[in-house]
Amino acid sequence: MEVAMKPLHSEKCTVWAAISAKGIIGPFFFEENDRAVTVTKERDVQVLELFWEQLRVLYPSLLNHFWFQQDGASSHTSNFSRDWLKEHFGARVISLKTNFE
């Protein structure tokens, strides 16, 4: 008798991308050693840094016009991530726990 084996859970993929009227930046994958990892506040900011570098290269004259919107995941709303967003986007952030002035 032949038995078909199937994994109980599918492979995981954690990905981040920015979408705007100007185009898509990314995707950026949260991986270590070719395996998906949990998004922590440190990993979130690492990806934001990669995103910012691409934004600076692609749209240098528009940096002060972009708004940033995200969901309320705990890694996104940590003080560490919010401080990074405030430094780069000022008050142009739409997210939970952000009341930048």
C-alpha atoms as a PDB file:
ATOM      1  CA  MET A   1       0.000   0.000   0.000  1.00  0.00           C
ATOM      2  CA  GLU A   2       1.323   3.429  -0.996  1.00  0.00           C
ATOM      3  CA  VAL A   3       0.790   6.379   1.329  1.00  0.00           C
ATOM      4  CA  ALA A   4       0.715   9.954   0.066  1.00  0.00           C
ATOM      5  CA  MET A   5       2.486  12.363   2.406  1.00  0.00           C
ATOM      6  CA  LYS A   6       1.385  15.977   2.647  1.00  0.00           C
ATOM      7  CA  PRO A   7       2.683  18.612   5.099  1.00  0.00           C
ATOM      8  CA  LEU A   8       0.196  19.652   7.749  1.00  0.00           C
ATOM      9  CA  HIS A   9       0.953  23.343   7.194  1.00  0.00           C
ATOM     10  CA  SER A  10       2.009  25.153   4.044  1.00  0.00           C
ATOM     11  CA  GLU A  11       5.301  26.998   3.714  1.00  0.00           C
ATOM     12  CA  LYS A  12       5.186  30.464   5.199  1.00  0.00           C
ATOM     13  CA  CYS A  13       6.059  33.681   3.442  1.00  0.00           C
ATOM     14  CA  THR A  14       6.270  37.082   5.115  1.00  0.00           C
ATOM     15  CA  VAL A  15       6.525  39.934   2.643  1.00  0.00           C
ATOM     16  CA  TRP A  16       6.277  43.744   2.646  1.00  0.00           C
ATOM     17  CA  ALA A  17       5.684  46.065  -0.305  1.00  0.00           C
ATOM     18  CA  ALA A  18       4.798  49.712  -0.851  1.00  0.00           C
ATOM     19  CA  ILE A  19       2.068  50.553  -3.328  1.00  0.00           C
ATOM     20  CA  SER A  20       1.310  54.038  -4.628  1.00  0.00           C
ATOM     21  CA  ALA A  21       0.101  55.840  -7.727  1.00  0.00           C
ATOM     22  CA  LYS A  22       3.779  56.090  -8.730  1.00  0.00           C
ATOM     23  CA  GLY A  23       4.326  52.339  -8.634  1.00  0.00           C
ATOM     24  CA  ILE A  24       5.366  49.472  -6.383  1.00  0.00           C
ATOM     25  CA  ILE A  25       8.493  49.354  -4.241  1.00  0.00           C
ATOM     26  CA  GLY A  26       9.489  45.905  -3.098  1.00  0.00           C
ATOM     27  CA  PRO A  27       8.641  43.218  -2.368  1.00  0.00           C
ATOM     28  CA  PHE A  28      10.891  42.730   0.649  1.00  0.00           C
ATOM     29  CA  PHE A  29      10.875  39.302   2.267  1.00  0.00           C
ATOM     30  CA  PHE A  30      11.360  38.709   5.990  1.00  0.00           C
ATOM     31  CA  GLU A  31      13.716  35.749   5.863  1.00  0.00           C
ATOM     32  CA  GLU A  32      16.784  34.354   7.560  1.00  0.00           C
ATOM     33  CA  ASN A  33      18.605  31.333   6.144  1.00  0.00           C
ATOM     34  CA  ASP A  34      15.915  31.086   3.434  1.00  0.00           C
ATOM     35  CA  ARG A  35      13.137  30.662   6.001  1.00  0.00           C
ATOM     36  CA  ALA A  36      10.336  33.077   6.849  1.00  0.00           C
ATOM     37  CA  VAL A  37      10.735  34.835  10.192  1.00  0.00           C
ATOM     38  CA  THR A  38       8.431  36.790  12.463  1.00  0.00           C
ATOM     39  CA  VAL A  39       8.270  40.542  11.880  1.00  0.00           C
ATOM     40  CA  THR A  40       9.807  42.237  14.903  1.00  0.00           C
ATOM     41  CA  LYS A  41      10.215  45.968  15.435  1.00  0.00           C
ATOM     42  CA  GLU A  42      13.891  45.655  14.441  1.00  0.00           C
ATOM     43  CA  ARG A  43      13.098  43.736  11.260  1.00  0.00           C
ATOM     44  CA  ASP A  44      10.313  46.197  10.467  1.00  0.00           C
ATOM     45  CA  VAL A  45      12.729  49.124  10.607  1.00  0.00           C
ATOM     46  CA  GLN A  46      15.319  47.215   8.538  1.00  0.00           C
ATOM     47  CA  VAL A  47      12.750  46.845   5.760  1.00  0.00           C
ATOM     48  CA  LEU A  48      11.666  50.483   6.140  1.00  0.00           C
ATOM     49  CA  GLU A  49      15.322  51.495   5.634  1.00  0.00           C
ATOM     50  CA  LEU A  50      15.480  49.465   2.400  1.00  0.00           C
ATOM     51  CA  PHE A  51      12.209  51.016   1.271  1.00  0.00           C
ATOM     52  CA  TRP A  52      13.439  54.540   2.090  1.00  0.00           C
ATOM     53  CA  GLU A  53      16.619  54.039   0.071  1.00  0.00           C
ATOM     54  CA  GLN A  54      14.614  52.977  -2.975  1.00  0.00           C
ATOM     55  CA  LEU A  55      12.185  55.850  -2.476  1.00  0.00           C
ATOM     56  CA  ARG A  56      15.110  58.309  -2.341  1.00  0.00           C
ATOM     57  CA  VAL A  57      16.581  56.932  -5.562  1.00  0.00           C
ATOM     58  CA  LEU A  58      13.315  56.723  -7.505  1.00  0.00           C
ATOM     59  CA  TYR A  59      11.559  59.899  -6.328  1.00  0.00           C
ATOM     60  CA  PRO A  60      14.074  62.268  -4.699  1.00  0.00           C
ATOM     61  CA  SER A  61      12.042  65.406  -5.396  1.00  0.00           C
ATOM     62  CA  LEU A  62       8.848  63.874  -3.961  1.00  0.00           C
ATOM     63  CA  LEU A  63      10.123  62.630  -0.592  1.00  0.00           C
ATOM     64  CA  ASN A  64       8.349  65.388   1.327  1.00  0.00           C
ATOM     65  CA  HIS A  65       5.057  64.683  -0.443  1.00  0.00           C
ATOM     66  CA  PHE A  66       4.604  60.976   0.275  1.00  0.00           C
ATOM     67  CA  TRP A  67       2.301  59.777   3.035  1.00  0.00           C
ATOM     68  CA  PHE A  68       2.868  56.453   4.748  1.00  0.00           C
ATOM     69  CA  GLN A  69      -0.006  54.172   5.758  1.00  0.00           C
ATOM     70  CA  GLN A  70       0.187  50.854   7.589  1.00  0.00           C
ATOM     71  CA  ASP A  71      -1.887  48.507   9.703  1.00  0.00           C
ATOM     72  CA  GLY A  72      -1.778  48.225  13.470  1.00  0.00           C
ATOM     73  CA  ALA A  73       0.522  45.225  13.828  1.00  0.00           C
ATOM     74  CA  SER A  74       2.502  45.430  17.064  1.00  0.00           C
ATOM     75  CA  SER A  75       5.838  45.623  15.221  1.00  0.00           C
ATOM     76  CA  HIS A  76       4.528  48.615  13.248  1.00  0.00           C
ATOM     77  CA  THR A  77       3.195  50.478  16.264  1.00  0.00           C
ATOM     78  CA  SER A  78       6.228  49.969  18.519  1.00  0.00           C
ATOM     79  CA  ASN A  79       7.980  53.113  19.717  1.00  0.00           C
ATOM     80  CA  PHE A  80      11.037  52.043  17.695  1.00  0.00           C
ATOM     81  CA  SER A  81       9.094  51.867  14.400  1.00  0.00           C
ATOM     82  CA  ARG A  82       7.030  54.963  15.144  1.00  0.00           C
ATOM     83  CA  ASP A  83      10.180  56.979  15.895  1.00  0.00           C
ATOM     84  CA  TRP A  84      11.641  55.925  12.546  1.00  0.00           C
ATOM     85  CA  LEU A  85       8.446  56.921  10.743  1.00  0.00           C
ATOM     86  CA  LYS A  86       8.316  60.286  12.490  1.00  0.00           C
ATOM     87  CA  GLU A  87      11.928  60.994  11.534  1.00  0.00           C
ATOM     88  CA  HIS A  88      11.344  60.173   7.860  1.00  0.00           C
ATOM     89  CA  PHE A  89       7.702  61.128   7.255  1.00  0.00           C
ATOM     90  CA  GLY A  90       6.933  63.642   9.996  1.00  0.00           C
ATOM     91  CA  ALA A  91       3.189  63.977  10.419  1.00  0.00           C
ATOM     92  CA  ARG A  92       2.480  62.223   7.100  1.00  0.00           C
ATOM     93  CA  VAL A  93       1.780  58.838   8.732  1.00  0.00           C
ATOM     94  CA  ILE A  94      -1.563  57.042   8.917  1.00  0.00           C
ATOM     95  CA  SER A  95      -1.396  54.283  11.505  1.00  0.00           C
ATOM     96  CA  LEU A  96      -2.648  53.263  14.901  1.00  0.00           C
ATOM     97  CA  LYS A  97      -0.923  54.983  17.823  1.00  0.00           C
ATOM     98  CA  THR A  98       0.473  57.827  15.731  1.00  0.00           C
ATOM     99  CA  ASN A  99      -0.492  61.321  16.640  1.00  0.00           C
ATOM    100  CA  PHE A 100       2.513  63.156  15.271  1.00  0.00           C
ATOM    101  CA  GLU A 101       2.373  66.922  15.158  1.00  0.00           C
END
